[in-house]
Protein backbone atom coordinates (compact mmCIF):
# COMPACT_ATOMS: atom_id res chain seq x y z
CA MET A 1 -5.56 8.13 13.59
CA SER A 2 -5.93 6.89 16.56
CA GLN A 3 -6.11 3.12 15.26
CA LEU A 4 -3.90 3.67 12.75
CA VAL A 5 -1.06 4.77 15.85
CA SER A 6 -2.63 1.80 17.68
CA ILE A 7 -0.73 -0.25 14.61
CA ILE A 8 1.96 1.40 14.73
CA LYS A 9 2.08 0.06 18.61
CA ARG A 10 1.36 -3.47 17.63
CA LEU A 11 3.95 -3.70 14.90
CA GLN A 12 6.52 -1.58 17.05
CA THR A 13 6.14 -4.41 19.89
CA MET A 14 6.55 -7.14 17.53
CA GLN A 15 10.27 -5.81 16.54
CA ASN A 16 10.80 -5.53 20.02
CA VAL A 17 9.69 -9.32 20.89
CA GLY A 18 11.56 -9.79 17.28
CA GLU A 19 14.65 -10.36 20.05
CA GLN A 20 13.32 -13.64 21.13
CA GLU A 21 10.74 -14.90 18.84
CA ASP A 22 12.26 -16.00 15.18
CA HIS A 23 9.28 -15.01 13.25
CA PRO A 24 6.41 -12.84 15.51
CA GLN A 25 2.92 -12.74 14.02
CA ARG A 26 -0.50 -11.14 14.54
CA LEU A 27 -4.16 -11.37 13.60
CA PHE A 28 -5.97 -8.10 12.23
CA GLU A 29 -9.41 -8.64 12.50
CA VAL A 30 -12.78 -6.63 11.80
CA ASN A 31 -16.13 -8.29 13.71
CA GLY A 32 -13.64 -11.71 14.73
CA ARG A 33 -13.16 -12.09 10.74
CA VAL A 34 -9.68 -12.17 10.63
CA LEU A 35 -8.40 -9.68 7.74
CA CYS A 36 -4.99 -9.94 7.36
CA GLN A 37 -1.64 -11.81 9.63
CA VAL A 38 1.75 -9.48 9.95
CA LYS A 39 4.86 -11.23 10.65
CA TYR A 40 8.20 -9.57 11.53
CA PHE A 41 11.88 -10.81 10.23
CA PRO A 42 13.80 -9.44 11.85
CA ALA A 43 16.95 -10.88 10.43
CA THR A 44 15.58 -8.74 7.75
CA SER A 45 13.72 -5.73 9.28
CA THR A 46 10.63 -6.38 7.19
CA TYR A 47 7.12 -7.12 7.53
CA GLU A 48 5.38 -9.60 5.94
CA VAL A 49 1.34 -8.68 5.67
CA GLU A 50 -0.63 -11.66 4.43
CA GLU A 51 -3.94 -10.25 3.75
CA TYR A 52 -7.11 -12.34 3.24
CA ASP A 53 -10.24 -11.46 1.12
CA LYS A 54 -13.99 -13.03 1.65
CA ASN A 55 -13.14 -16.33 0.00
CA ASN A 56 -10.05 -16.89 2.60
CA ASN A 57 -7.99 -16.08 -1.11
CA MET A 58 -4.78 -14.74 0.13
CA GLN A 59 -2.06 -11.81 -1.27
CA LYS A 60 1.09 -11.41 -0.06
CA TYR A 61 3.08 -7.69 0.44
CA GLN A 62 6.97 -7.07 1.80
CA PHE A 63 7.56 -3.86 3.87
CA ASP A 64 10.36 -2.55 5.33
CA ASP A 65 9.37 0.40 6.81
CA ILE A 66 7.29 0.12 9.73
CA ASP A 67 5.26 3.16 9.01
CA MET A 68 4.11 1.36 4.92
CA ALA A 69 3.02 -1.89 6.57
CA ALA A 70 0.73 -0.13 9.51
CA ILE A 71 -0.44 1.96 6.68
CA GLU A 72 -1.01 -0.89 4.40
CA ILE A 73 -3.10 -2.86 7.36
CA PHE A 74 -5.05 0.34 8.23
CA ASP A 75 -6.19 0.45 4.21
CA ILE A 76 -6.81 -3.41 5.22
CA ILE A 77 -8.81 -2.70 7.84
CA GLN A 78 -10.90 0.31 6.66
CA GLU A 79 -12.17 -1.08 3.46
CA GLU A 80 -13.68 -4.13 5.63
CA LYS A 81 -15.21 -1.57 8.10
CA ASN A 82 -16.25 1.16 4.57
CA PRO A 83 -17.29 -1.29 2.05
CA SER A 84 -17.98 1.04 -1.55
């Protein structure tokens, strides 16, 4: 649960920095491998999550809710830590 809170705090920080930067972005990694990149768009208050698979193929997801974006990032990280 603390990992989810940590993700939400990082996303909230992006909102605050968004007033100074055009599109703040953050990387989320596990064991040095980038799993996703998140961009925040202040004009629309939306997050874009770019998920990378093991072959560096990318899928993009748009969220207008910070909690939904955090849950998606959390799921991506958990899948890497606990593969099926």
